[in-house]
């Protein structure tokens, strides 16, 4: 897979990062996340990001999924996404898309800027997120595909199974992790796995477990 043309070099990643805390939303490196921006502070954040050469915004979940208020405590790890698509609406919203670039760990939170939160990110542990995926990850793709149909049936999700079966490994795992209705805690676990193979195996286990717990059929694979 070719490295995206606008991905920055590791050494040129920004030393401060605007963050968008959002419960139940997951961005992974290589993934595409559409967002509907309407709060004034996040409209401002989007405008400021558009003015930067790298156009990066950090997606991160609050530590407590039920936390309210203006400044809930944040999880320690999030994912920086490049603002790769942008559209204005007549009613004053922005429709944007973020392309996942690299995960980060929060070193510290710094003063807000024009209403939105900012952090000092540490990208060190996630340097490999910037490399090109070479297709060499080893995981049980047959198990993952077999877990999909009973899970989708359980959740009422319609999907083109033939397309999923032939989908590139990284695209399949990233898309499923980001789009399936997992809990915020499960989403955070998927974000923090070190490798694509670990993430894929966890996806299979999560779908199998939920299907079994609700009385659905267990997925099977040929031996």
C-alpha atoms as a PDB file:
ATOM      1  CA  UNK A   1       0.000   0.000   0.000  1.00  0.00           C
ATOM      2  CA  UNK A   2       1.403   3.399  -0.987  1.00  0.00           C
ATOM      3  CA  UNK A   3       1.922   5.901   1.793  1.00  0.00           C
ATOM      4  CA  UNK A   4      -0.607   8.769   1.474  1.00  0.00           C
ATOM      5  CA  UNK A   5       1.000  11.752  -0.241  1.00  0.00           C
ATOM      6  CA  UNK A   6       0.056  14.253   2.465  1.00  0.00           C
ATOM      7  CA  UNK A   7       1.169  12.195   5.480  1.00  0.00           C
ATOM      8  CA  UNK A   8       3.905  14.087   7.366  1.00  0.00           C
ATOM      9  CA  UNK A   9       7.342  12.775   8.213  1.00  0.00           C
ATOM     10  CA  UNK A  10       7.667  11.692  11.834  1.00  0.00           C
ATOM     11  CA  UNK A  11      10.136  14.472  12.599  1.00  0.00           C
ATOM     12  CA  UNK A  12       7.707  17.092  11.269  1.00  0.00           C
ATOM     13  CA  UNK A  13       4.687  16.102  13.379  1.00  0.00           C
ATOM     14  CA  UNK A  14       3.303  19.054  15.375  1.00  0.00           C
ATOM     15  CA  UNK A  15       4.398  19.535  18.968  1.00  0.00           C
ATOM     16  CA  UNK A  16       0.926  20.678  20.032  1.00  0.00           C
ATOM     17  CA  UNK A  17      -2.349  19.193  18.843  1.00  0.00           C
ATOM     18  CA  UNK A  18      -5.976  20.363  19.020  1.00  0.00           C
ATOM     19  CA  UNK A  19      -8.184  17.595  20.357  1.00  0.00           C
ATOM     20  CA  UNK A  20     -11.835  16.745  19.797  1.00  0.00           C
ATOM     21  CA  UNK A  21     -13.114  14.648  22.748  1.00  0.00           C
ATOM     22  CA  UNK A  22     -15.970  12.467  21.551  1.00  0.00           C
ATOM     23  CA  UNK A  23     -17.412   9.404  23.261  1.00  0.00           C
ATOM     24  CA  UNK A  24     -18.090   6.353  21.116  1.00  0.00           C
ATOM     25  CA  UNK A  25     -16.096   7.536  18.108  1.00  0.00           C
ATOM     26  CA  UNK A  26     -12.955   5.734  16.962  1.00  0.00           C
ATOM     27  CA  UNK A  27     -10.316   6.868  14.487  1.00  0.00           C
ATOM     28  CA  UNK A  28      -7.504   4.506  13.486  1.00  0.00           C
ATOM     29  CA  UNK A  29      -4.449   5.116  11.305  1.00  0.00           C
ATOM     30  CA  UNK A  30      -5.537   4.716   7.690  1.00  0.00           C
ATOM     31  CA  UNK A  31      -9.223   5.058   8.526  1.00  0.00           C
ATOM     32  CA  UNK A  32     -11.674   7.663   7.250  1.00  0.00           C
ATOM     33  CA  UNK A  33     -13.880   9.425   9.803  1.00  0.00           C
ATOM     34  CA  UNK A  34     -16.707  11.756   8.680  1.00  0.00           C
ATOM     35  CA  UNK A  35     -17.717  14.413  11.217  1.00  0.00           C
ATOM     36  CA  UNK A  36     -20.509  16.957  11.444  1.00  0.00           C
ATOM     37  CA  UNK A  37     -19.083  20.057  13.127  1.00  0.00           C
ATOM     38  CA  UNK A  38     -21.555  22.521  14.633  1.00  0.00           C
ATOM     39  CA  UNK A  39     -20.367  23.643  18.087  1.00  0.00           C
ATOM     40  CA  UNK A  40     -18.743  27.108  17.885  1.00  0.00           C
ATOM     41  CA  UNK A  41     -15.474  26.000  19.519  1.00  0.00           C
ATOM     42  CA  UNK A  42     -15.079  23.102  17.085  1.00  0.00           C
ATOM     43  CA  UNK A  43     -15.992  25.281  14.124  1.00  0.00           C
ATOM     44  CA  UNK A  44     -13.114  27.492  15.272  1.00  0.00           C
ATOM     45  CA  UNK A  45     -10.836  24.476  15.712  1.00  0.00           C
ATOM     46  CA  UNK A  46     -11.627  23.356  12.151  1.00  0.00           C
ATOM     47  CA  UNK A  47     -10.887  26.822  10.777  1.00  0.00           C
ATOM     48  CA  UNK A  48      -7.555  26.904  12.604  1.00  0.00           C
ATOM     49  CA  UNK A  49      -6.624  23.385  11.431  1.00  0.00           C
ATOM     50  CA  UNK A  50      -7.337  24.367   7.836  1.00  0.00           C
ATOM     51  CA  UNK A  51      -4.791  27.145   8.216  1.00  0.00           C
ATOM     52  CA  UNK A  52      -2.017  24.741   9.234  1.00  0.00           C
ATOM     53  CA  UNK A  53       0.143  22.912   6.683  1.00  0.00           C
ATOM     54  CA  UNK A  54      -0.492  19.455   8.199  1.00  0.00           C
ATOM     55  CA  UNK A  55      -4.155  20.021   9.138  1.00  0.00           C
ATOM     56  CA  UNK A  56      -4.079  17.569  12.073  1.00  0.00           C
ATOM     57  CA  UNK A  57      -6.799  17.149  14.708  1.00  0.00           C
ATOM     58  CA  UNK A  58      -6.594  14.646  17.558  1.00  0.00           C
ATOM     59  CA  UNK A  59      -9.584  12.413  18.183  1.00  0.00           C
ATOM     60  CA  UNK A  60      -9.792  11.108  21.738  1.00  0.00           C
ATOM     61  CA  UNK A  61     -12.457   9.720  24.061  1.00  0.00           C
ATOM     62  CA  UNK A  62     -13.337  11.055  27.508  1.00  0.00           C
ATOM     63  CA  UNK A  63     -12.191   8.721  30.274  1.00  0.00           C
ATOM     64  CA  UNK A  64     -15.737   8.451  31.652  1.00  0.00           C
ATOM     65  CA  UNK A  65     -18.258   7.843  28.870  1.00  0.00           C
ATOM     66  CA  UNK A  66     -20.981   9.408  31.005  1.00  0.00           C
ATOM     67  CA  UNK A  67     -18.973  12.464  31.963  1.00  0.00           C
ATOM     68  CA  UNK A  68     -20.508  15.832  31.237  1.00  0.00           C
ATOM     69  CA  UNK A  69     -19.248  19.360  31.543  1.00  0.00           C
ATOM     70  CA  UNK A  70     -16.953  21.462  29.411  1.00  0.00           C
ATOM     71  CA  UNK A  71     -13.710  19.676  30.238  1.00  0.00           C
ATOM     72  CA  UNK A  72     -14.055  15.952  31.047  1.00  0.00           C
ATOM     73  CA  UNK A  73     -10.927  13.942  31.846  1.00  0.00           C
ATOM     74  CA  UNK A  74      -9.479  12.334  28.722  1.00  0.00           C
ATOM     75  CA  UNK A  75      -8.158   8.906  27.877  1.00  0.00           C
ATOM     76  CA  UNK A  76      -4.393   8.816  27.600  1.00  0.00           C
ATOM     77  CA  UNK A  77      -4.214   7.626  23.968  1.00  0.00           C
ATOM     78  CA  UNK A  78      -5.907   9.048  20.878  1.00  0.00           C
ATOM     79  CA  UNK A  79      -5.329   9.247  17.131  1.00  0.00           C
ATOM     80  CA  UNK A  80      -4.339  12.266  15.059  1.00  0.00           C
ATOM     81  CA  UNK A  81      -6.227  12.644  11.795  1.00  0.00           C
ATOM     82  CA  UNK A  82      -5.523  14.845   8.800  1.00  0.00           C
ATOM     83  CA  UNK A  83      -8.411  17.047   7.715  1.00  0.00           C
ATOM     84  CA  UNK A  84      -8.703  15.591   4.228  1.00  0.00           C
ATOM     85  CA  UNK A  85     -12.156  16.778   3.129  1.00  0.00           C
ATOM     86  CA  UNK A  86     -14.172  19.873   3.995  1.00  0.00           C
ATOM     87  CA  UNK A  87     -17.589  21.209   3.062  1.00  0.00           C
ATOM     88  CA  UNK A  88     -19.641  24.156   4.324  1.00  0.00           C
ATOM     89  CA  UNK A  89     -23.399  23.950   4.812  1.00  0.00           C
ATOM     90  CA  UNK A  90     -25.975  26.705   4.438  1.00  0.00           C
ATOM     91  CA  UNK A  91     -26.902  26.444   8.126  1.00  0.00           C
ATOM     92  CA  UNK A  92     -23.376  27.142   9.377  1.00  0.00           C
ATOM     93  CA  UNK A  93     -21.971  23.650   9.879  1.00  0.00           C
ATOM     94  CA  UNK A  94     -18.820  22.018   8.519  1.00  0.00           C
ATOM     95  CA  UNK A  95     -18.906  18.500   7.105  1.00  0.00           C
ATOM     96  CA  UNK A  96     -15.363  17.187   7.316  1.00  0.00           C
ATOM     97  CA  UNK A  97     -13.470  13.954   6.954  1.00  0.00           C
ATOM     98  CA  UNK A  98     -10.375  12.972   8.917  1.00  0.00           C
ATOM     99  CA  UNK A  99      -7.845  10.482   7.592  1.00  0.00           C
ATOM    100  CA  UNK A 100      -6.130   8.665  10.460  1.00  0.00           C
ATOM    101  CA  UNK A 101      -2.385   9.355  10.532  1.00  0.00           C
ATOM    102  CA  UNK A 102      -0.761   8.348  13.827  1.00  0.00           C
ATOM    103  CA  UNK A 103      -1.755   7.563  17.389  1.00  0.00           C
ATOM    104  CA  UNK A 104      -0.442   9.639  20.284  1.00  0.00           C
ATOM    105  CA  UNK A 105      -0.181   9.556  24.047  1.00  0.00           C
ATOM    106  CA  UNK A 106      -0.993  12.753  25.926  1.00  0.00           C
ATOM    107  CA  UNK A 107       2.118  14.135  27.628  1.00  0.00           C
ATOM    108  CA  UNK A 108       0.224  17.073  29.072  1.00  0.00           C
ATOM    109  CA  UNK A 109      -2.773  19.250  28.400  1.00  0.00           C
ATOM    110  CA  UNK A 110      -2.085  22.915  27.784  1.00  0.00           C
ATOM    111  CA  UNK A 111      -4.244  26.042  27.809  1.00  0.00           C
ATOM    112  CA  UNK A 112      -7.261  26.117  25.527  1.00  0.00           C
ATOM    113  CA  UNK A 113      -7.053  28.181  22.366  1.00  0.00           C
ATOM    114  CA  UNK A 114     -10.160  30.033  21.217  1.00  0.00           C
ATOM    115  CA  UNK A 115     -12.327  27.637  23.230  1.00  0.00           C
ATOM    116  CA  UNK A 116     -10.978  24.244  22.154  1.00  0.00           C
ATOM    117  CA  UNK A 117      -8.628  21.945  24.033  1.00  0.00           C
ATOM    118  CA  UNK A 118      -4.991  21.268  23.134  1.00  0.00           C
ATOM    119  CA  UNK A 119      -2.389  18.740  24.235  1.00  0.00           C
ATOM    120  CA  UNK A 120       1.303  18.049  23.917  1.00  0.00           C
ATOM    121  CA  UNK A 121       1.318  14.665  22.122  1.00  0.00           C
ATOM    122  CA  UNK A 122       3.959  11.956  22.394  1.00  0.00           C
ATOM    123  CA  UNK A 123       4.030   9.961  19.149  1.00  0.00           C
ATOM    124  CA  UNK A 124       7.122   7.913  20.014  1.00  0.00           C
ATOM    125  CA  UNK A 125       5.475   4.552  20.689  1.00  0.00           C
ATOM    126  CA  UNK A 126       3.425   4.753  17.486  1.00  0.00           C
ATOM    127  CA  UNK A 127       6.083   5.613  14.907  1.00  0.00           C
ATOM    128  CA  UNK A 128       5.180   2.481  12.912  1.00  0.00           C
ATOM    129  CA  UNK A 129       1.716   3.930  12.231  1.00  0.00           C
ATOM    130  CA  UNK A 130       3.369   6.032   9.513  1.00  0.00           C
ATOM    131  CA  UNK A 131       4.911   3.120   7.642  1.00  0.00           C
ATOM    132  CA  UNK A 132       3.341   1.551   4.575  1.00  0.00           C
ATOM    133  CA  UNK A 133       1.474  -1.647   5.379  1.00  0.00           C
ATOM    134  CA  UNK A 134       3.094  -4.436   3.371  1.00  0.00           C
ATOM    135  CA  UNK A 135       0.323  -7.015   3.750  1.00  0.00           C
ATOM    136  CA  UNK A 136       2.482  -9.325   5.832  1.00  0.00           C
ATOM    137  CA  UNK A 137       0.406  -9.345   9.024  1.00  0.00           C
ATOM    138  CA  UNK A 138      -0.617 -12.832  10.020  1.00  0.00           C
ATOM    139  CA  UNK A 139      -4.079 -13.260  11.465  1.00  0.00           C
ATOM    140  CA  UNK A 140      -6.984 -15.636  11.038  1.00  0.00           C
ATOM    141  CA  UNK A 141      -8.930 -13.799   8.336  1.00  0.00           C
ATOM    142  CA  UNK A 142     -11.228 -16.794   7.833  1.00  0.00           C
ATOM    143  CA  UNK A 143     -12.256 -16.608  11.487  1.00  0.00           C
ATOM    144  CA  UNK A 144     -12.899 -12.864  11.225  1.00  0.00           C
ATOM    145  CA  UNK A 145     -15.015 -13.170   8.081  1.00  0.00           C
ATOM    146  CA  UNK A 146     -16.955 -16.095   9.598  1.00  0.00           C
ATOM    147  CA  UNK A 147     -17.781 -13.996  12.672  1.00  0.00           C
ATOM    148  CA  UNK A 148     -19.219 -11.179  10.577  1.00  0.00           C
ATOM    149  CA  UNK A 149     -22.532 -12.583   9.358  1.00  0.00           C
ATOM    150  CA  UNK A 150     -23.964 -13.724  12.723  1.00  0.00           C
ATOM    151  CA  UNK A 151     -22.799 -10.457  14.305  1.00  0.00           C
ATOM    152  CA  UNK A 152     -24.273  -8.351  11.499  1.00  0.00           C
ATOM    153  CA  UNK A 153     -27.523 -10.325  11.682  1.00  0.00           C
ATOM    154  CA  UNK A 154     -27.651  -9.697  15.435  1.00  0.00           C
ATOM    155  CA  UNK A 155     -27.093  -5.951  14.994  1.00  0.00           C
ATOM    156  CA  UNK A 156     -29.312  -5.557  11.929  1.00  0.00           C
ATOM    157  CA  UNK A 157     -26.366  -4.448   9.789  1.00  0.00           C
ATOM    158  CA  UNK A 158     -26.601  -4.918   6.050  1.00  0.00           C
ATOM    159  CA  UNK A 159     -23.324  -5.463   4.205  1.00  0.00           C
ATOM    160  CA  UNK A 160     -21.957  -6.874   0.963  1.00  0.00           C
ATOM    161  CA  UNK A 161     -20.298  -9.992   2.344  1.00  0.00           C
ATOM    162  CA  UNK A 162     -18.608 -10.861  -0.945  1.00  0.00           C
ATOM    163  CA  UNK A 163     -16.884  -7.478  -0.992  1.00  0.00           C
ATOM    164  CA  UNK A 164     -15.784  -7.861   2.607  1.00  0.00           C
ATOM    165  CA  UNK A 165     -14.259 -11.255   1.912  1.00  0.00           C
ATOM    166  CA  UNK A 166     -12.068  -9.815  -0.833  1.00  0.00           C
ATOM    167  CA  UNK A 167     -11.229  -6.576   0.975  1.00  0.00           C
ATOM    168  CA  UNK A 168      -7.563  -5.833   1.709  1.00  0.00           C
ATOM    169  CA  UNK A 169      -6.601  -6.939   5.227  1.00  0.00           C
ATOM    170  CA  UNK A 170      -5.797  -3.500   6.653  1.00  0.00           C
ATOM    171  CA  UNK A 171      -8.890  -1.913   5.117  1.00  0.00           C
ATOM    172  CA  UNK A 172     -11.125  -4.696   6.423  1.00  0.00           C
ATOM    173  CA  UNK A 173      -9.825  -4.597   9.999  1.00  0.00           C
ATOM    174  CA  UNK A 174      -9.731  -0.800  10.227  1.00  0.00           C
ATOM    175  CA  UNK A 175     -13.203  -0.349   8.727  1.00  0.00           C
ATOM    176  CA  UNK A 176     -14.787  -2.962  10.983  1.00  0.00           C
ATOM    177  CA  UNK A 177     -13.128  -1.609  14.128  1.00  0.00           C
ATOM    178  CA  UNK A 178     -14.295   1.922  13.378  1.00  0.00           C
ATOM    179  CA  UNK A 179     -17.811   1.186  12.151  1.00  0.00           C
ATOM    180  CA  UNK A 180     -19.121  -1.688  14.298  1.00  0.00           C
ATOM    181  CA  UNK A 181     -21.190  -0.612  17.334  1.00  0.00           C
ATOM    182  CA  UNK A 182     -18.710  -1.552  20.047  1.00  0.00           C
ATOM    183  CA  UNK A 183     -18.708   0.093  23.468  1.00  0.00           C
ATOM    184  CA  UNK A 184     -16.346   3.019  24.125  1.00  0.00           C
ATOM    185  CA  UNK A 185     -14.183   0.738  26.286  1.00  0.00           C
ATOM    186  CA  UNK A 186     -13.954  -1.836  23.503  1.00  0.00           C
ATOM    187  CA  UNK A 187     -13.158   0.887  20.974  1.00  0.00           C
ATOM    188  CA  UNK A 188     -10.333   2.152  23.171  1.00  0.00           C
ATOM    189  CA  UNK A 189      -8.917  -1.358  23.459  1.00  0.00           C
ATOM    190  CA  UNK A 190      -8.961  -1.717  19.672  1.00  0.00           C
ATOM    191  CA  UNK A 191      -7.129   1.600  19.339  1.00  0.00           C
ATOM    192  CA  UNK A 192      -4.390   0.572  21.743  1.00  0.00           C
ATOM    193  CA  UNK A 193      -3.479  -2.816  20.250  1.00  0.00           C
ATOM    194  CA  UNK A 194       0.064  -2.720  18.906  1.00  0.00           C
ATOM    195  CA  UNK A 195      -0.446  -4.621  15.668  1.00  0.00           C
ATOM    196  CA  UNK A 196      -3.043  -5.194  12.977  1.00  0.00           C
ATOM    197  CA  UNK A 197      -3.046  -8.906  13.808  1.00  0.00           C
ATOM    198  CA  UNK A 198      -3.839  -8.249  17.481  1.00  0.00           C
ATOM    199  CA  UNK A 199      -6.635  -5.898  16.494  1.00  0.00           C
ATOM    200  CA  UNK A 200      -8.078  -8.440  14.050  1.00  0.00           C
ATOM    201  CA  UNK A 201      -8.032 -11.258  16.607  1.00  0.00           C
ATOM    202  CA  UNK A 202      -9.727  -8.996  19.158  1.00  0.00           C
ATOM    203  CA  UNK A 203     -12.412  -8.060  16.623  1.00  0.00           C
ATOM    204  CA  UNK A 204     -13.169 -11.722  16.014  1.00  0.00           C
ATOM    205  CA  UNK A 205     -13.374 -12.425  19.742  1.00  0.00           C
ATOM    206  CA  UNK A 206     -15.631  -9.424  20.427  1.00  0.00           C
ATOM    207  CA  UNK A 207     -18.105 -10.361  17.700  1.00  0.00           C
ATOM    208  CA  UNK A 208     -18.126 -14.048  18.650  1.00  0.00           C
ATOM    209  CA  UNK A 209     -18.635 -13.242  22.323  1.00  0.00           C
ATOM    210  CA  UNK A 210     -21.552 -10.883  21.752  1.00  0.00           C
ATOM    211  CA  UNK A 211     -23.210 -13.324  19.361  1.00  0.00           C
ATOM    212  CA  UNK A 212     -22.891 -16.141  21.905  1.00  0.00           C
ATOM    213  CA  UNK A 213     -24.061 -14.024  24.849  1.00  0.00           C
ATOM    214  CA  UNK A 214     -27.261 -13.098  23.022  1.00  0.00           C
ATOM    215  CA  UNK A 215     -27.982 -16.633  21.897  1.00  0.00           C
ATOM    216  CA  UNK A 216     -26.934 -16.223  18.280  1.00  0.00           C
ATOM    217  CA  UNK A 217     -25.175 -18.931  16.301  1.00  0.00           C
ATOM    218  CA  UNK A 218     -21.463 -19.370  16.797  1.00  0.00           C
ATOM    219  CA  UNK A 219     -19.344 -18.630  13.750  1.00  0.00           C
ATOM    220  CA  UNK A 220     -17.414 -21.601  12.423  1.00  0.00           C
ATOM    221  CA  UNK A 221     -14.421 -22.002  10.160  1.00  0.00           C
ATOM    222  CA  UNK A 222     -13.279 -24.957   8.124  1.00  0.00           C
ATOM    223  CA  UNK A 223     -10.549 -27.045   9.653  1.00  0.00           C
END
